[in-house]
PDB file of N, CA and C in Angstrom:
ATOM      1  N   UNK A   1     103.846 115.633  90.293  1.00  0.00           N
ATOM      2  CA  UNK A   1     102.977 115.943  89.169  1.00  0.00           C
ATOM      3  C   UNK A   1     102.172 117.205  89.346  1.00  0.00           C
ATOM      4  N   UNK A   2     101.998 117.615  90.561  1.00  0.00           N
ATOM      5  CA  UNK A   2     101.261 118.833  90.878  1.00  0.00           C
ATOM      6  C   UNK A   2     102.068 120.045  90.360  1.00  0.00           C
ATOM      7  N   UNK A   3     103.400 119.962  90.407  1.00  0.00           N
ATOM      8  CA  UNK A   3     104.154 121.053  89.875  1.00  0.00           C
ATOM      9  C   UNK A   3     103.966 121.220  88.365  1.00  0.00           C
ATOM     10  N   UNK A   4     103.922 120.155  87.620  1.00  0.00           N
ATOM     11  CA  UNK A   4     103.693 120.247  86.179  1.00  0.00           C
ATOM     12  C   UNK A   4     102.298 120.901  85.889  1.00  0.00           C
ATOM     13  N   UNK A   5     101.277 120.506  86.700  1.00  0.00           N
ATOM     14  CA  UNK A   5      99.983 121.058  86.509  1.00  0.00           C
ATOM     15  C   UNK A   5     100.036 122.574  86.829  1.00  0.00           C
ATOM     16  N   UNK A   6     100.773 122.985  87.812  1.00  0.00           N
ATOM     17  CA  UNK A   6     100.836 124.343  88.150  1.00  0.00           C
ATOM     18  C   UNK A   6     101.530 125.118  87.023  1.00  0.00           C
ATOM     19  N   UNK A   7     102.530 124.565  86.489  1.00  0.00           N
ATOM     20  CA  UNK A   7     103.301 125.204  85.394  1.00  0.00           C
ATOM     21  C   UNK A   7     102.389 125.335  84.174  1.00  0.00           C
ATOM     22  N   UNK A   8     101.627 124.293  83.904  1.00  0.00           N
ATOM     23  CA  UNK A   8     100.728 124.347  82.747  1.00  0.00           C
ATOM     24  C   UNK A   8      99.670 125.419  82.932  1.00  0.00           C
ATOM     25  N   UNK A   9      99.122 125.573  84.103  1.00  0.00           N
ATOM     26  CA  UNK A   9      98.131 126.578  84.354  1.00  0.00           C
ATOM     27  C   UNK A   9      98.675 128.021  84.230  1.00  0.00           C
ATOM     28  N   UNK A  10     100.026 128.098  84.697  1.00  0.00           N
ATOM     29  CA  UNK A  10     100.620 129.470  84.616  1.00  0.00           C
ATOM     30  C   UNK A  10     101.110 129.801  83.231  1.00  0.00           C
ATOM     31  N   UNK A  11     101.780 128.783  82.622  1.00  0.00           N
ATOM     32  CA  UNK A  11     102.401 129.069  81.324  1.00  0.00           C
ATOM     33  C   UNK A  11     101.928 127.962  80.320  1.00  0.00           C
ATOM     34  N   UNK A  12     100.772 128.249  79.689  1.00  0.00           N
ATOM     35  CA  UNK A  12     100.194 127.306  78.720  1.00  0.00           C
ATOM     36  C   UNK A  12     101.221 126.984  77.624  1.00  0.00           C
ATOM     37  N   UNK A  13     102.032 128.033  77.224  1.00  0.00           N
ATOM     38  CA  UNK A  13     102.913 127.835  76.105  1.00  0.00           C
ATOM     39  C   UNK A  13     104.046 126.821  76.470  1.00  0.00           C
ATOM     40  N   UNK A  14     104.357 126.686  77.658  1.00  0.00           N
ATOM     41  CA  UNK A  14     105.355 125.743  78.106  1.00  0.00           C
ATOM     42  C   UNK A  14     104.898 124.313  78.287  1.00  0.00           C
ATOM     43  N   UNK A  15     103.701 124.036  77.828  1.00  0.00           N
ATOM     44  CA  UNK A  15     103.100 122.731  77.961  1.00  0.00           C
ATOM     45  C   UNK A  15     103.970 121.665  77.336  1.00  0.00           C
ATOM     46  N   UNK A  16     104.420 121.763  76.109  1.00  0.00           N
ATOM     47  CA  UNK A  16     105.224 120.806  75.477  1.00  0.00           C
ATOM     48  C   UNK A  16     106.504 120.497  76.224  1.00  0.00           C
ATOM     49  N   UNK A  17     107.118 121.564  76.814  1.00  0.00           N
ATOM     50  CA  UNK A  17     108.311 121.450  77.590  1.00  0.00           C
ATOM     51  C   UNK A  17     108.063 120.646  78.850  1.00  0.00           C
ATOM     52  N   UNK A  18     107.009 120.947  79.593  1.00  0.00           N
ATOM     53  CA  UNK A  18     106.689 120.256  80.816  1.00  0.00           C
ATOM     54  C   UNK A  18     106.253 118.832  80.511  1.00  0.00           C
ATOM     55  N   UNK A  19     105.593 118.626  79.317  1.00  0.00           N
ATOM     56  CA  UNK A  19     105.196 117.268  78.925  1.00  0.00           C
ATOM     57  C   UNK A  19     106.439 116.380  78.653  1.00  0.00           C
ATOM     58  N   UNK A  20     107.449 117.022  77.986  1.00  0.00           N
ATOM     59  CA  UNK A  20     108.744 116.298  77.800  1.00  0.00           C
ATOM     60  C   UNK A  20     109.372 115.986  79.129  1.00  0.00           C
ATOM     61  N   UNK A  21     109.353 116.954  80.017  1.00  0.00           N
ATOM     62  CA  UNK A  21     109.929 116.745  81.336  1.00  0.00           C
ATOM     63  C   UNK A  21     109.214 115.548  82.049  1.00  0.00           C
ATOM     64  N   UNK A  22     107.877 115.519  81.936  1.00  0.00           N
ATOM     65  CA  UNK A  22     107.149 114.420  82.516  1.00  0.00           C
ATOM     66  C   UNK A  22     107.553 113.121  81.937  1.00  0.00           C
ATOM     67  N   UNK A  23     107.733 112.997  80.583  1.00  0.00           N
ATOM     68  CA  UNK A  23     108.168 111.753  79.973  1.00  0.00           C
ATOM     69  C   UNK A  23     109.551 111.429  80.403  1.00  0.00           C
ATOM     70  N   UNK A  24     110.417 112.438  80.540  1.00  0.00           N
ATOM     71  CA  UNK A  24     111.777 112.209  81.000  1.00  0.00           C
ATOM     72  C   UNK A  24     111.840 111.625  82.384  1.00  0.00           C
ATOM     73  N   UNK A  25     110.966 112.127  83.266  1.00  0.00           N
ATOM     74  CA  UNK A  25     110.908 111.660  84.640  1.00  0.00           C
ATOM     75  C   UNK A  25     110.413 110.236  84.662  1.00  0.00           C
ATOM     76  N   UNK A  26     109.420 109.928  83.797  1.00  0.00           N
ATOM     77  CA  UNK A  26     108.896 108.616  83.664  1.00  0.00           C
ATOM     78  C   UNK A  26     110.005 107.629  83.226  1.00  0.00           C
ATOM     79  N   UNK A  27     110.808 108.081  82.261  1.00  0.00           N
ATOM     80  CA  UNK A  27     111.933 107.284  81.719  1.00  0.00           C
ATOM     81  C   UNK A  27     112.953 107.040  82.846  1.00  0.00           C
ATOM     82  N   UNK A  28     113.195 108.043  83.619  1.00  0.00           N
ATOM     83  CA  UNK A  28     114.201 107.836  84.738  1.00  0.00           C
ATOM     84  C   UNK A  28     113.689 106.920  85.767  1.00  0.00           C
ATOM     85  N   UNK A  29     112.351 106.935  86.036  1.00  0.00           N
ATOM     86  CA  UNK A  29     111.686 106.088  87.000  1.00  0.00           C
ATOM     87  C   UNK A  29     111.840 104.629  86.524  1.00  0.00           C
ATOM     88  N   UNK A  30     111.541 104.438  85.179  1.00  0.00           N
ATOM     89  CA  UNK A  30     111.611 103.129  84.649  1.00  0.00           C
ATOM     90  C   UNK A  30     113.073 102.552  84.737  1.00  0.00           C
ATOM     91  N   UNK A  31     114.048 103.447  84.444  1.00  0.00           N
ATOM     92  CA  UNK A  31     115.434 103.032  84.468  1.00  0.00           C
ATOM     93  C   UNK A  31     115.817 102.693  85.969  1.00  0.00           C
ATOM     94  N   UNK A  32     115.379 103.394  86.935  1.00  0.00           N
ATOM     95  CA  UNK A  32     115.653 103.139  88.320  1.00  0.00           C
ATOM     96  C   UNK A  32     115.007 101.836  88.753  1.00  0.00           C
ATOM     97  N   UNK A  33     113.815 101.582  88.227  1.00  0.00           N
ATOM     98  CA  UNK A  33     113.084 100.340  88.579  1.00  0.00           C
ATOM     99  C   UNK A  33     113.747  99.141  87.965  1.00  0.00           C
ATOM    100  N   UNK A  34     114.387  99.271  86.815  1.00  0.00           N
ATOM    101  CA  UNK A  34     115.103  98.208  86.151  1.00  0.00           C
ATOM    102  C   UNK A  34     116.419  97.906  86.796  1.00  0.00           C
ATOM    103  N   UNK A  35     117.005  98.895  87.492  1.00  0.00           N
ATOM    104  CA  UNK A  35     118.329  98.645  88.127  1.00  0.00           C
ATOM    105  C   UNK A  35     118.114  97.726  89.376  1.00  0.00           C
ATOM    106  N   UNK A  36     119.024  96.832  89.602  1.00  0.00           N
ATOM    107  CA  UNK A  36     118.872  95.929  90.739  1.00  0.00           C
ATOM    108  C   UNK A  36     119.170  96.674  92.058  1.00  0.00           C
TER     109      UNK A  36
END
């Protein structure tokens, strides 16, 4: 998550992209948690 914060501080315009990436990572984490 520190990487996303660093990207946001460097490139404020890319916030939506990094936010989508954060949601995508959360989705992958949830999928991995659901897998046996």
